[in-house]
Amino acid sequence: MIKAVVFDFGGVLAEEGFKEGIKALARKMSLNPDIVFRTADELMYKTGYVLGMSNESAFWNALRQNTGIIGSDKELRKEILKRFKLRTDMIKFVQGLKASGMVTAILSDQTNWLDEINQKTPFYHHFDYIFNSFKLKKGKRDPSVFIDVCNVMGFKPEEVLFVDDRIENIKRAKDVGLKTLHFIDVKNFEKEISREMPHEVALSGTKGMRSFFKRGL
């Protein structure tokens, strides 16, 4: 039986601000968006920024040197942060889970930006746990992070459902025993979550996920 649901942040609970922001910057500067994003994604790890091993300036300096992106740290970060828009339907679903007694958590390969987004538009209070790679010093590229998260929450891997939009993270979580759901979009999520959640939770008795989303709490 599933006792906890762990959500990715960007791309699941919110729009993927990092990916879309980097691509927008690339297009603005007549650079290849896909290439620039892949480079930025790797540099998050190579510079150590996403794991809290270096500061934001180290990342932006590396990105400018490796891609031709220009602009101050402040200007560049603004393009990222403004695109992390919370998905209201997903937050309502989390509220419903908590109301049913389910444990909810976030596991995100994020930086100090996650705290800043929460300060501007609070959402942490909807979750029992916030696991951020920046503070954990470990990201989802390391499969052991999923076991760490389960241990902290006090559940066995098979009692935890992990939701992420990146298939590589889904595969790693599944390999260490978690139940998984690959997030594509909200409509697909509504369909797939009804297959994964047990009848004991608040979803039972509702007529599909759409009614549950509308009801919220």
N, C-alpha and C. Protein backbone atom coordinates (compact mmCIF):
# COMPACT_ATOMS: atom_id res chain seq x y z
N MET A 1 0.83 -1.20 0.00
CA MET A 1 0.00 0.00 0.00
C MET A 1 0.87 1.25 0.00
N ILE A 2 0.50 2.23 -0.81
CA ILE A 2 1.25 3.47 -0.88
C ILE A 2 0.93 4.32 0.35
N LYS A 3 1.98 4.78 1.03
CA LYS A 3 1.81 5.60 2.23
C LYS A 3 2.35 7.02 2.05
N ALA A 4 3.15 7.23 1.00
CA ALA A 4 3.71 8.56 0.76
C ALA A 4 3.85 8.79 -0.74
N VAL A 5 3.66 10.04 -1.14
CA VAL A 5 3.85 10.41 -2.54
C VAL A 5 4.91 11.50 -2.59
N VAL A 6 5.94 11.27 -3.38
CA VAL A 6 7.06 12.21 -3.51
C VAL A 6 7.03 12.81 -4.91
N PHE A 7 6.98 14.12 -4.98
CA PHE A 7 6.87 14.83 -6.25
C PHE A 7 8.15 15.57 -6.62
N ASP A 8 8.48 15.53 -7.89
CA ASP A 8 9.48 16.45 -8.42
C ASP A 8 8.85 17.84 -8.42
N PHE A 9 9.69 18.88 -8.46
CA PHE A 9 9.14 20.24 -8.49
C PHE A 9 8.98 20.75 -9.91
N GLY A 10 10.07 21.21 -10.53
CA GLY A 10 9.99 21.76 -11.88
C GLY A 10 9.60 20.70 -12.90
N GLY A 11 8.52 20.95 -13.61
CA GLY A 11 8.05 19.98 -14.60
C GLY A 11 6.90 19.14 -14.09
N VAL A 12 6.66 19.16 -12.77
CA VAL A 12 5.54 18.41 -12.19
C VAL A 12 4.64 19.36 -11.39
N LEU A 13 5.14 19.84 -10.26
CA LEU A 13 4.35 20.75 -9.43
C LEU A 13 4.30 22.16 -10.01
N ALA A 14 5.30 22.46 -10.82
CA ALA A 14 5.39 23.78 -11.45
C ALA A 14 5.89 23.62 -12.88
N GLU A 15 5.71 24.65 -13.67
CA GLU A 15 6.28 24.64 -15.01
C GLU A 15 7.79 24.50 -14.90
N GLU A 16 8.42 23.92 -15.91
CA GLU A 16 9.86 23.68 -15.87
C GLU A 16 10.62 24.98 -16.18
N GLY A 17 10.78 25.81 -15.15
CA GLY A 17 11.38 27.12 -15.33
C GLY A 17 12.82 27.10 -15.80
N PHE A 18 13.60 26.14 -15.33
CA PHE A 18 15.01 26.08 -15.71
C PHE A 18 15.15 25.78 -17.20
N LYS A 19 14.51 24.72 -17.64
CA LYS A 19 14.59 24.32 -19.04
C LYS A 19 14.06 25.40 -19.97
N GLU A 20 12.85 25.90 -19.66
CA GLU A 20 12.24 26.89 -20.53
C GLU A 20 12.97 28.22 -20.48
N GLY A 21 13.51 28.57 -19.32
CA GLY A 21 14.25 29.82 -19.20
C GLY A 21 15.55 29.79 -19.98
N ILE A 22 16.27 28.68 -19.87
CA ILE A 22 17.53 28.54 -20.61
C ILE A 22 17.28 28.57 -22.11
N LYS A 23 16.25 27.88 -22.54
CA LYS A 23 15.93 27.85 -23.98
C LYS A 23 15.51 29.23 -24.48
N ALA A 24 14.79 29.97 -23.66
CA ALA A 24 14.38 31.32 -24.05
C ALA A 24 15.60 32.23 -24.19
N LEU A 25 16.54 32.10 -23.28
CA LEU A 25 17.77 32.88 -23.36
C LEU A 25 18.54 32.54 -24.63
N ALA A 26 18.59 31.25 -24.95
CA ALA A 26 19.31 30.82 -26.15
C ALA A 26 18.68 31.39 -27.42
N ARG A 27 17.34 31.30 -27.49
CA ARG A 27 16.65 31.83 -28.66
C ARG A 27 16.86 33.34 -28.80
N LYS A 28 16.86 34.03 -27.67
CA LYS A 28 17.04 35.48 -27.68
C LYS A 28 18.42 35.85 -28.25
N MET A 29 19.38 34.96 -28.06
CA MET A 29 20.74 35.22 -28.50
C MET A 29 21.11 34.43 -29.75
N SER A 30 20.09 33.92 -30.45
CA SER A 30 20.27 33.18 -31.71
C SER A 30 21.19 31.97 -31.55
N LEU A 31 21.05 31.29 -30.41
CA LEU A 31 21.80 30.06 -30.15
C LEU A 31 20.83 28.88 -30.21
N ASN A 32 21.37 27.68 -30.39
CA ASN A 32 20.55 26.48 -30.45
C ASN A 32 19.98 26.17 -29.06
N PRO A 33 18.66 26.26 -28.87
CA PRO A 33 18.06 26.06 -27.54
C PRO A 33 18.34 24.70 -26.93
N ASP A 34 18.28 23.65 -27.73
CA ASP A 34 18.48 22.30 -27.19
C ASP A 34 19.92 22.08 -26.75
N ILE A 35 20.85 22.56 -27.55
CA ILE A 35 22.26 22.40 -27.20
C ILE A 35 22.61 23.20 -25.94
N VAL A 36 22.11 24.43 -25.89
CA VAL A 36 22.38 25.28 -24.73
C VAL A 36 21.77 24.67 -23.47
N PHE A 37 20.55 24.13 -23.58
CA PHE A 37 19.94 23.52 -22.40
C PHE A 37 20.73 22.30 -21.94
N ARG A 38 21.12 21.44 -22.86
CA ARG A 38 21.88 20.25 -22.46
C ARG A 38 23.18 20.65 -21.78
N THR A 39 23.81 21.68 -22.30
CA THR A 39 25.05 22.17 -21.69
C THR A 39 24.79 22.72 -20.29
N ALA A 40 23.73 23.50 -20.15
CA ALA A 40 23.39 24.08 -18.86
C ALA A 40 23.05 22.99 -17.84
N ASP A 41 22.33 21.97 -18.29
CA ASP A 41 21.94 20.87 -17.42
C ASP A 41 23.18 20.15 -16.87
N GLU A 42 24.16 19.93 -17.74
CA GLU A 42 25.40 19.28 -17.31
C GLU A 42 26.22 20.18 -16.40
N LEU A 43 26.25 21.47 -16.72
CA LEU A 43 27.05 22.40 -15.92
C LEU A 43 26.50 22.57 -14.51
N MET A 44 25.20 22.36 -14.34
CA MET A 44 24.63 22.39 -13.00
C MET A 44 25.34 21.38 -12.10
N TYR A 45 25.65 20.22 -12.67
CA TYR A 45 26.36 19.18 -11.92
C TYR A 45 27.87 19.40 -11.93
N LYS A 46 28.42 19.71 -13.08
CA LYS A 46 29.88 19.86 -13.18
C LYS A 46 30.42 20.98 -12.31
N THR A 47 29.66 22.07 -12.20
CA THR A 47 30.10 23.16 -11.33
C THR A 47 29.82 22.88 -9.86
N GLY A 48 28.96 21.90 -9.62
CA GLY A 48 28.59 21.57 -8.25
C GLY A 48 27.48 22.42 -7.67
N TYR A 49 26.92 23.31 -8.48
CA TYR A 49 25.91 24.23 -7.96
C TYR A 49 24.65 23.51 -7.50
N VAL A 50 24.16 22.56 -8.28
CA VAL A 50 22.92 21.87 -7.92
C VAL A 50 23.09 21.01 -6.67
N LEU A 51 24.33 20.70 -6.31
CA LEU A 51 24.58 19.91 -5.11
C LEU A 51 25.07 20.77 -3.95
N GLY A 52 24.97 22.09 -4.12
CA GLY A 52 25.37 22.99 -3.05
C GLY A 52 26.86 23.03 -2.80
N MET A 53 27.65 22.65 -3.80
CA MET A 53 29.10 22.61 -3.65
C MET A 53 29.79 23.85 -4.20
N SER A 54 29.01 24.72 -4.86
CA SER A 54 29.54 25.98 -5.36
C SER A 54 28.40 26.99 -5.37
N ASN A 55 28.71 28.23 -5.72
CA ASN A 55 27.66 29.24 -5.71
C ASN A 55 27.08 29.47 -7.10
N GLU A 56 26.07 30.32 -7.16
CA GLU A 56 25.37 30.57 -8.40
C GLU A 56 26.28 31.20 -9.46
N SER A 57 27.16 32.09 -9.03
CA SER A 57 28.06 32.76 -9.98
C SER A 57 28.93 31.76 -10.74
N ALA A 58 29.34 30.70 -10.05
CA ALA A 58 30.18 29.69 -10.70
C ALA A 58 29.43 29.04 -11.86
N PHE A 59 28.15 28.80 -11.66
CA PHE A 59 27.34 28.22 -12.72
C PHE A 59 27.19 29.18 -13.89
N TRP A 60 26.79 30.42 -13.61
CA TRP A 60 26.57 31.36 -14.71
C TRP A 60 27.86 31.66 -15.46
N ASN A 61 28.98 31.75 -14.74
CA ASN A 61 30.27 31.98 -15.41
C ASN A 61 30.59 30.84 -16.37
N ALA A 62 30.35 29.61 -15.92
CA ALA A 62 30.61 28.43 -16.75
C ALA A 62 29.67 28.42 -17.96
N LEU A 63 28.43 28.80 -17.76
CA LEU A 63 27.47 28.81 -18.86
C LEU A 63 27.86 29.85 -19.91
N ARG A 64 28.26 31.02 -19.46
CA ARG A 64 28.68 32.06 -20.41
C ARG A 64 29.90 31.60 -21.20
N GLN A 65 30.84 30.97 -20.53
CA GLN A 65 32.08 30.52 -21.18
C GLN A 65 31.83 29.39 -22.18
N ASN A 66 30.85 28.55 -21.89
CA ASN A 66 30.63 27.35 -22.71
C ASN A 66 29.57 27.49 -23.79
N THR A 67 28.77 28.55 -23.72
CA THR A 67 27.66 28.65 -24.67
C THR A 67 27.60 29.97 -25.44
N GLY A 68 28.19 31.01 -24.93
CA GLY A 68 28.05 32.31 -25.57
C GLY A 68 26.89 33.11 -25.02
N ILE A 69 26.18 32.57 -24.02
CA ILE A 69 25.12 33.31 -23.35
C ILE A 69 25.74 34.55 -22.69
N ILE A 70 25.05 35.67 -22.78
CA ILE A 70 25.55 36.89 -22.15
C ILE A 70 24.49 37.47 -21.22
N GLY A 71 24.94 38.29 -20.28
CA GLY A 71 24.03 38.91 -19.33
C GLY A 71 24.56 38.75 -17.92
N SER A 72 24.12 39.62 -17.04
CA SER A 72 24.53 39.54 -15.64
C SER A 72 23.85 38.36 -14.95
N ASP A 73 24.39 37.93 -13.82
CA ASP A 73 23.76 36.84 -13.06
C ASP A 73 22.31 37.19 -12.75
N LYS A 74 22.07 38.43 -12.36
CA LYS A 74 20.73 38.87 -11.99
C LYS A 74 19.77 38.79 -13.17
N GLU A 75 20.23 39.22 -14.33
CA GLU A 75 19.39 39.20 -15.52
C GLU A 75 19.07 37.77 -15.95
N LEU A 76 20.07 36.91 -15.88
CA LEU A 76 19.89 35.52 -16.31
C LEU A 76 18.97 34.76 -15.36
N ARG A 77 19.18 34.91 -14.07
CA ARG A 77 18.36 34.19 -13.08
C ARG A 77 16.90 34.62 -13.16
N LYS A 78 16.67 35.89 -13.49
CA LYS A 78 15.29 36.39 -13.61
C LYS A 78 14.52 35.62 -14.67
N GLU A 79 15.20 35.28 -15.79
CA GLU A 79 14.55 34.53 -16.86
C GLU A 79 14.18 33.12 -16.42
N ILE A 80 14.92 32.59 -15.47
CA ILE A 80 14.64 31.25 -14.95
C ILE A 80 13.50 31.29 -13.93
N LEU A 81 13.66 32.09 -12.91
CA LEU A 81 12.73 32.08 -11.78
C LEU A 81 11.31 32.48 -12.16
N LYS A 82 11.17 33.42 -13.10
CA LYS A 82 9.83 33.86 -13.47
C LYS A 82 9.03 32.79 -14.19
N ARG A 83 9.71 31.75 -14.65
CA ARG A 83 9.01 30.68 -15.38
C ARG A 83 8.61 29.50 -14.50
N PHE A 84 9.03 29.49 -13.24
CA PHE A 84 8.61 28.43 -12.32
C PHE A 84 7.22 28.79 -11.77
N LYS A 85 6.19 28.55 -12.55
CA LYS A 85 4.83 28.87 -12.15
C LYS A 85 4.14 27.63 -11.60
N LEU A 86 3.64 27.73 -10.38
CA LEU A 86 2.98 26.60 -9.74
C LEU A 86 1.75 26.17 -10.52
N ARG A 87 1.55 24.85 -10.61
CA ARG A 87 0.37 24.30 -11.26
C ARG A 87 -0.72 24.11 -10.21
N THR A 88 -1.75 24.93 -10.29
CA THR A 88 -2.81 24.94 -9.28
C THR A 88 -3.45 23.57 -9.10
N ASP A 89 -3.70 22.86 -10.19
CA ASP A 89 -4.33 21.54 -10.09
C ASP A 89 -3.47 20.57 -9.30
N MET A 90 -2.17 20.64 -9.48
CA MET A 90 -1.28 19.73 -8.77
C MET A 90 -1.22 20.06 -7.28
N ILE A 91 -1.22 21.34 -6.95
CA ILE A 91 -1.20 21.73 -5.54
C ILE A 91 -2.50 21.31 -4.86
N LYS A 92 -3.62 21.44 -5.56
CA LYS A 92 -4.90 21.01 -5.00
C LYS A 92 -4.90 19.51 -4.74
N PHE A 93 -4.26 18.77 -5.65
CA PHE A 93 -4.18 17.32 -5.46
C PHE A 93 -3.36 16.99 -4.22
N VAL A 94 -2.24 17.70 -4.03
CA VAL A 94 -1.40 17.50 -2.84
C VAL A 94 -2.20 17.81 -1.58
N GLN A 95 -2.98 18.89 -1.60
CA GLN A 95 -3.81 19.23 -0.45
C GLN A 95 -4.77 18.10 -0.12
N GLY A 96 -5.34 17.50 -1.15
CA GLY A 96 -6.26 16.39 -0.94
C GLY A 96 -5.57 15.19 -0.35
N LEU A 97 -4.36 14.91 -0.82
CA LEU A 97 -3.60 13.79 -0.27
C LEU A 97 -3.34 13.99 1.22
N LYS A 98 -2.90 15.19 1.59
CA LYS A 98 -2.60 15.47 2.99
C LYS A 98 -3.86 15.35 3.84
N ALA A 99 -4.97 15.83 3.30
CA ALA A 99 -6.23 15.76 4.04
C ALA A 99 -6.64 14.31 4.30
N SER A 100 -6.21 13.41 3.40
CA SER A 100 -6.55 12.00 3.55
C SER A 100 -5.61 11.27 4.49
N GLY A 101 -4.54 11.98 4.94
CA GLY A 101 -3.57 11.36 5.85
C GLY A 101 -2.33 10.83 5.16
N MET A 102 -2.24 11.03 3.85
CA MET A 102 -1.07 10.59 3.10
C MET A 102 0.11 11.54 3.36
N VAL A 103 1.31 10.98 3.45
CA VAL A 103 2.52 11.80 3.58
C VAL A 103 2.90 12.33 2.21
N THR A 104 3.24 13.60 2.14
CA THR A 104 3.62 14.22 0.86
C THR A 104 5.01 14.84 0.98
N ALA A 105 5.75 14.80 -0.12
CA ALA A 105 7.12 15.32 -0.10
C ALA A 105 7.52 15.82 -1.48
N ILE A 106 8.53 16.66 -1.49
CA ILE A 106 9.16 17.11 -2.73
C ILE A 106 10.59 16.57 -2.74
N LEU A 107 11.00 16.03 -3.88
CA LEU A 107 12.39 15.65 -4.10
C LEU A 107 12.81 16.32 -5.40
N SER A 108 13.66 17.34 -5.29
CA SER A 108 14.00 18.14 -6.46
C SER A 108 15.50 18.34 -6.59
N ASP A 109 15.99 18.20 -7.82
CA ASP A 109 17.36 18.60 -8.11
C ASP A 109 17.32 20.10 -8.34
N GLN A 110 17.36 20.84 -7.25
CA GLN A 110 17.24 22.28 -7.30
C GLN A 110 18.36 22.93 -6.50
N THR A 111 18.40 24.24 -6.57
CA THR A 111 19.41 25.01 -5.86
C THR A 111 18.72 25.85 -4.80
N ASN A 112 19.38 26.89 -4.35
CA ASN A 112 18.77 27.83 -3.41
C ASN A 112 17.56 28.53 -4.03
N TRP A 113 17.41 28.38 -5.35
CA TRP A 113 16.26 28.97 -6.03
C TRP A 113 14.95 28.44 -5.48
N LEU A 114 14.93 27.18 -5.04
CA LEU A 114 13.68 26.59 -4.55
C LEU A 114 13.15 27.37 -3.35
N ASP A 115 14.04 27.73 -2.43
CA ASP A 115 13.63 28.52 -1.27
C ASP A 115 13.13 29.90 -1.70
N GLU A 116 13.77 30.47 -2.70
CA GLU A 116 13.37 31.80 -3.17
C GLU A 116 11.98 31.76 -3.81
N ILE A 117 11.72 30.70 -4.57
CA ILE A 117 10.40 30.56 -5.18
C ILE A 117 9.34 30.42 -4.10
N ASN A 118 9.65 29.64 -3.06
CA ASN A 118 8.71 29.45 -1.96
C ASN A 118 8.46 30.76 -1.20
N GLN A 119 9.48 31.57 -1.06
CA GLN A 119 9.32 32.85 -0.37
C GLN A 119 8.38 33.77 -1.14
N LYS A 120 8.45 33.72 -2.45
CA LYS A 120 7.61 34.57 -3.29
C LYS A 120 6.19 34.02 -3.40
N THR A 121 6.08 32.72 -3.59
CA THR A 121 4.78 32.05 -3.70
C THR A 121 4.81 30.81 -2.81
N PRO A 122 4.46 30.94 -1.54
CA PRO A 122 4.60 29.83 -0.58
C PRO A 122 3.86 28.56 -1.00
N PHE A 123 4.61 27.44 -0.91
CA PHE A 123 4.00 26.13 -1.20
C PHE A 123 4.57 25.04 -0.29
N TYR A 124 5.65 25.32 0.42
CA TYR A 124 6.26 24.31 1.29
C TYR A 124 5.26 23.74 2.30
N HIS A 125 4.34 24.58 2.77
CA HIS A 125 3.42 24.16 3.83
C HIS A 125 2.47 23.05 3.39
N HIS A 126 2.42 22.78 2.09
CA HIS A 126 1.58 21.69 1.60
C HIS A 126 2.26 20.33 1.73
N PHE A 127 3.53 20.33 2.13
CA PHE A 127 4.32 19.10 2.13
C PHE A 127 4.90 18.80 3.52
N ASP A 128 5.01 17.50 3.80
CA ASP A 128 5.60 17.07 5.06
C ASP A 128 7.12 17.13 5.02
N TYR A 129 7.69 16.92 3.84
CA TYR A 129 9.14 16.93 3.68
C TYR A 129 9.53 17.67 2.40
N ILE A 130 10.63 18.41 2.47
CA ILE A 130 11.22 19.05 1.30
C ILE A 130 12.64 18.53 1.16
N PHE A 131 12.90 17.76 0.13
CA PHE A 131 14.25 17.23 -0.13
C PHE A 131 14.81 17.95 -1.35
N ASN A 132 15.84 18.74 -1.12
CA ASN A 132 16.44 19.56 -2.18
C ASN A 132 17.90 19.16 -2.33
N SER A 133 18.31 18.82 -3.54
CA SER A 133 19.69 18.39 -3.77
C SER A 133 20.71 19.40 -3.26
N PHE A 134 20.38 20.68 -3.32
CA PHE A 134 21.28 21.74 -2.88
C PHE A 134 21.64 21.57 -1.40
N LYS A 135 20.66 21.09 -0.61
CA LYS A 135 20.88 20.89 0.82
C LYS A 135 21.30 19.47 1.15
N LEU A 136 20.84 18.51 0.35
CA LEU A 136 21.19 17.11 0.58
C LEU A 136 22.64 16.81 0.19
N LYS A 137 23.19 17.64 -0.72
CA LYS A 137 24.51 17.39 -1.33
C LYS A 137 24.49 16.10 -2.15
N LYS A 138 23.31 15.76 -2.63
CA LYS A 138 23.14 14.55 -3.44
C LYS A 138 21.92 14.76 -4.33
N GLY A 139 22.03 14.37 -5.59
CA GLY A 139 20.93 14.54 -6.52
C GLY A 139 20.37 13.23 -7.01
N LYS A 140 19.38 13.32 -7.90
CA LYS A 140 18.69 12.13 -8.39
C LYS A 140 19.50 11.32 -9.39
N ARG A 141 20.67 11.83 -9.77
CA ARG A 141 21.55 10.99 -10.59
C ARG A 141 22.18 9.89 -9.75
N ASP A 142 22.12 10.04 -8.45
CA ASP A 142 22.62 9.03 -7.51
C ASP A 142 21.41 8.27 -6.97
N PRO A 143 21.20 7.02 -7.40
CA PRO A 143 20.02 6.26 -6.98
C PRO A 143 19.86 6.13 -5.47
N SER A 144 20.94 6.25 -4.73
CA SER A 144 20.84 6.10 -3.27
C SER A 144 20.02 7.21 -2.64
N VAL A 145 19.83 8.33 -3.36
CA VAL A 145 19.05 9.43 -2.78
C VAL A 145 17.61 8.99 -2.55
N PHE A 146 17.11 8.09 -3.37
CA PHE A 146 15.73 7.62 -3.20
C PHE A 146 15.58 6.78 -1.94
N ILE A 147 16.60 5.98 -1.65
CA ILE A 147 16.60 5.19 -0.41
C ILE A 147 16.72 6.11 0.79
N ASP A 148 17.57 7.13 0.67
CA ASP A 148 17.72 8.10 1.76
C ASP A 148 16.39 8.75 2.10
N VAL A 149 15.66 9.15 1.07
CA VAL A 149 14.37 9.82 1.26
C VAL A 149 13.38 8.87 1.95
N CYS A 150 13.33 7.64 1.51
CA CYS A 150 12.43 6.66 2.14
C CYS A 150 12.78 6.45 3.61
N ASN A 151 14.07 6.38 3.90
CA ASN A 151 14.52 6.17 5.28
C ASN A 151 14.14 7.34 6.18
N VAL A 152 14.31 8.56 5.68
CA VAL A 152 13.96 9.74 6.47
C VAL A 152 12.47 9.76 6.77
N MET A 153 11.66 9.39 5.78
CA MET A 153 10.20 9.39 5.99
C MET A 153 9.74 8.19 6.80
N GLY A 154 10.58 7.16 6.90
CA GLY A 154 10.23 5.98 7.68
C GLY A 154 9.40 4.96 6.94
N PHE A 155 9.55 4.91 5.60
CA PHE A 155 8.78 3.97 4.79
C PHE A 155 9.70 3.07 3.97
N LYS A 156 9.18 1.90 3.61
CA LYS A 156 9.89 1.03 2.69
C LYS A 156 9.73 1.59 1.28
N PRO A 157 10.68 1.35 0.38
CA PRO A 157 10.58 1.87 -0.98
C PRO A 157 9.26 1.54 -1.67
N GLU A 158 8.77 0.32 -1.46
CA GLU A 158 7.54 -0.08 -2.13
C GLU A 158 6.29 0.62 -1.57
N GLU A 159 6.46 1.37 -0.48
CA GLU A 159 5.35 2.12 0.10
C GLU A 159 5.32 3.58 -0.38
N VAL A 160 6.27 3.90 -1.26
CA VAL A 160 6.42 5.29 -1.72
C VAL A 160 6.20 5.38 -3.23
N LEU A 161 5.37 6.32 -3.64
CA LEU A 161 5.15 6.60 -5.06
C LEU A 161 5.95 7.85 -5.43
N PHE A 162 6.79 7.75 -6.45
CA PHE A 162 7.62 8.87 -6.90
C PHE A 162 7.12 9.36 -8.25
N VAL A 163 6.90 10.67 -8.35
CA VAL A 163 6.37 11.29 -9.58
C VAL A 163 7.39 12.26 -10.14
N ASP A 164 7.81 12.04 -11.39
CA ASP A 164 8.83 12.90 -12.01
C ASP A 164 8.59 12.96 -13.51
N ASP A 165 8.98 14.08 -14.12
CA ASP A 165 8.80 14.20 -15.57
C ASP A 165 9.99 13.68 -16.37
N ARG A 166 11.10 13.39 -15.68
CA ARG A 166 12.29 12.87 -16.37
C ARG A 166 12.33 11.35 -16.27
N ILE A 167 12.29 10.69 -17.41
CA ILE A 167 12.23 9.24 -17.42
C ILE A 167 13.47 8.60 -16.80
N GLU A 168 14.62 9.25 -16.91
CA GLU A 168 15.83 8.69 -16.32
C GLU A 168 15.73 8.64 -14.80
N ASN A 169 15.07 9.62 -14.20
CA ASN A 169 14.88 9.61 -12.74
C ASN A 169 13.86 8.55 -12.35
N ILE A 170 12.84 8.39 -13.16
CA ILE A 170 11.84 7.35 -12.91
C ILE A 170 12.50 5.97 -12.91
N LYS A 171 13.38 5.74 -13.87
CA LYS A 171 14.05 4.43 -13.96
C LYS A 171 14.92 4.17 -12.75
N ARG A 172 15.64 5.19 -12.29
CA ARG A 172 16.51 5.01 -11.12
C ARG A 172 15.69 4.70 -9.87
N ALA A 173 14.60 5.42 -9.70
CA ALA A 173 13.74 5.19 -8.53
C ALA A 173 13.12 3.80 -8.57
N LYS A 174 12.69 3.41 -9.75
CA LYS A 174 12.07 2.09 -9.91
C LYS A 174 13.08 0.99 -9.65
N ASP A 175 14.31 1.19 -10.06
CA ASP A 175 15.36 0.18 -9.88
C ASP A 175 15.65 -0.10 -8.40
N VAL A 176 15.42 0.89 -7.54
CA VAL A 176 15.68 0.68 -6.11
C VAL A 176 14.41 0.37 -5.33
N GLY A 177 13.31 0.12 -6.05
CA GLY A 177 12.12 -0.41 -5.40
C GLY A 177 10.94 0.50 -5.21
N LEU A 178 11.04 1.79 -5.58
CA LEU A 178 9.90 2.68 -5.42
C LEU A 178 8.87 2.44 -6.50
N LYS A 179 7.62 2.72 -6.19
CA LYS A 179 6.60 2.76 -7.21
C LYS A 179 6.77 4.09 -7.93
N THR A 180 6.51 4.14 -9.22
CA THR A 180 6.80 5.35 -9.97
C THR A 180 5.67 5.73 -10.92
N LEU A 181 5.63 7.02 -11.24
CA LEU A 181 4.68 7.52 -12.22
C LEU A 181 5.40 8.58 -13.04
N HIS A 182 5.52 8.32 -14.33
CA HIS A 182 6.18 9.27 -15.23
C HIS A 182 5.18 10.37 -15.59
N PHE A 183 5.46 11.60 -15.15
CA PHE A 183 4.57 12.72 -15.40
C PHE A 183 4.79 13.26 -16.82
N ILE A 184 3.69 13.34 -17.57
CA ILE A 184 3.74 13.91 -18.92
C ILE A 184 3.01 15.25 -18.95
N ASP A 185 1.79 15.25 -18.45
CA ASP A 185 1.03 16.48 -18.28
C ASP A 185 -0.07 16.20 -17.25
N VAL A 186 -0.79 17.24 -16.86
CA VAL A 186 -1.79 17.08 -15.80
C VAL A 186 -2.89 16.10 -16.22
N LYS A 187 -3.35 16.20 -17.45
CA LYS A 187 -4.41 15.30 -17.92
C LYS A 187 -3.98 13.84 -17.84
N ASN A 188 -2.79 13.54 -18.29
CA ASN A 188 -2.28 12.18 -18.22
C ASN A 188 -2.09 11.74 -16.77
N PHE A 189 -1.64 12.67 -15.93
CA PHE A 189 -1.44 12.38 -14.52
C PHE A 189 -2.76 11.96 -13.87
N GLU A 190 -3.83 12.68 -14.19
CA GLU A 190 -5.15 12.35 -13.65
C GLU A 190 -5.51 10.89 -13.96
N LYS A 191 -5.19 10.49 -15.16
CA LYS A 191 -5.51 9.13 -15.60
C LYS A 191 -4.63 8.10 -14.90
N GLU A 192 -3.33 8.36 -14.86
CA GLU A 192 -2.39 7.37 -14.33
C GLU A 192 -2.43 7.25 -12.81
N ILE A 193 -2.68 8.37 -12.12
CA ILE A 193 -2.65 8.30 -10.66
C ILE A 193 -3.79 7.45 -10.12
N SER A 194 -4.91 7.42 -10.84
CA SER A 194 -6.05 6.62 -10.39
C SER A 194 -5.73 5.13 -10.43
N ARG A 195 -4.73 4.75 -11.23
CA ARG A 195 -4.31 3.35 -11.30
C ARG A 195 -3.34 3.00 -10.18
N GLU A 196 -2.63 4.02 -9.70
CA GLU A 196 -1.57 3.77 -8.72
C GLU A 196 -2.04 3.90 -7.28
N MET A 197 -2.99 4.82 -7.02
CA MET A 197 -3.37 5.09 -5.64
C MET A 197 -4.31 4.00 -5.12
N PRO A 198 -4.13 3.59 -3.88
CA PRO A 198 -5.00 2.57 -3.29
C PRO A 198 -6.38 3.14 -3.00
N HIS A 199 -7.36 2.23 -2.84
CA HIS A 199 -8.73 2.66 -2.61
C HIS A 199 -8.90 3.35 -1.26
N GLU A 200 -7.96 3.14 -0.33
CA GLU A 200 -8.12 3.66 1.02
C GLU A 200 -7.98 5.17 1.10
N VAL A 201 -7.28 5.80 0.14
CA VAL A 201 -7.03 7.23 0.23
C VAL A 201 -8.24 8.02 -0.22
N ALA A 202 -8.13 9.33 -0.15
CA ALA A 202 -9.27 10.20 -0.41
C ALA A 202 -9.83 10.09 -1.81
N LEU A 203 -9.05 9.52 -2.72
CA LEU A 203 -9.53 9.41 -4.08
C LEU A 203 -10.71 8.46 -4.19
N SER A 204 -10.82 7.50 -3.26
CA SER A 204 -11.93 6.55 -3.34
C SER A 204 -13.24 7.29 -3.11
N GLY A 205 -14.22 6.91 -3.88
CA GLY A 205 -15.53 7.54 -3.75
C GLY A 205 -15.72 8.74 -4.64
N THR A 206 -14.63 9.22 -5.28
CA THR A 206 -14.77 10.34 -6.20
C THR A 206 -14.96 9.80 -7.60
N LYS A 207 -15.56 10.59 -8.45
CA LYS A 207 -15.78 10.18 -9.83
C LYS A 207 -14.65 10.71 -10.70
N GLY A 208 -13.50 10.05 -10.58
CA GLY A 208 -12.37 10.44 -11.41
C GLY A 208 -11.57 11.57 -10.79
N MET A 209 -10.40 11.76 -11.35
CA MET A 209 -9.49 12.76 -10.80
C MET A 209 -9.97 14.18 -11.03
N ARG A 210 -10.72 14.43 -12.07
CA ARG A 210 -11.16 15.80 -12.33
C ARG A 210 -12.04 16.32 -11.20
N SER A 211 -12.93 15.46 -10.68
CA SER A 211 -13.76 15.90 -9.58
C SER A 211 -12.93 16.12 -8.32
N PHE A 212 -11.88 15.31 -8.17
CA PHE A 212 -11.02 15.46 -7.00
C PHE A 212 -10.26 16.77 -7.08
N PHE A 213 -9.74 17.09 -8.27
CA PHE A 213 -9.04 18.36 -8.44
C PHE A 213 -9.96 19.54 -8.14
N LYS A 214 -11.18 19.48 -8.64
CA LYS A 214 -12.11 20.58 -8.44
C LYS A 214 -12.46 20.74 -6.97
N ARG A 215 -12.55 19.63 -6.26
CA ARG A 215 -12.92 19.68 -4.85
C ARG A 215 -11.79 20.22 -4.00
N GLY A 216 -10.53 19.90 -4.38
CA GLY A 216 -9.39 20.33 -3.59
C GLY A 216 -9.46 19.71 -2.22
N LEU A 217 -9.52 20.54 -1.18
CA LEU A 217 -9.63 20.05 0.17
C LEU A 217 -10.99 19.43 0.44
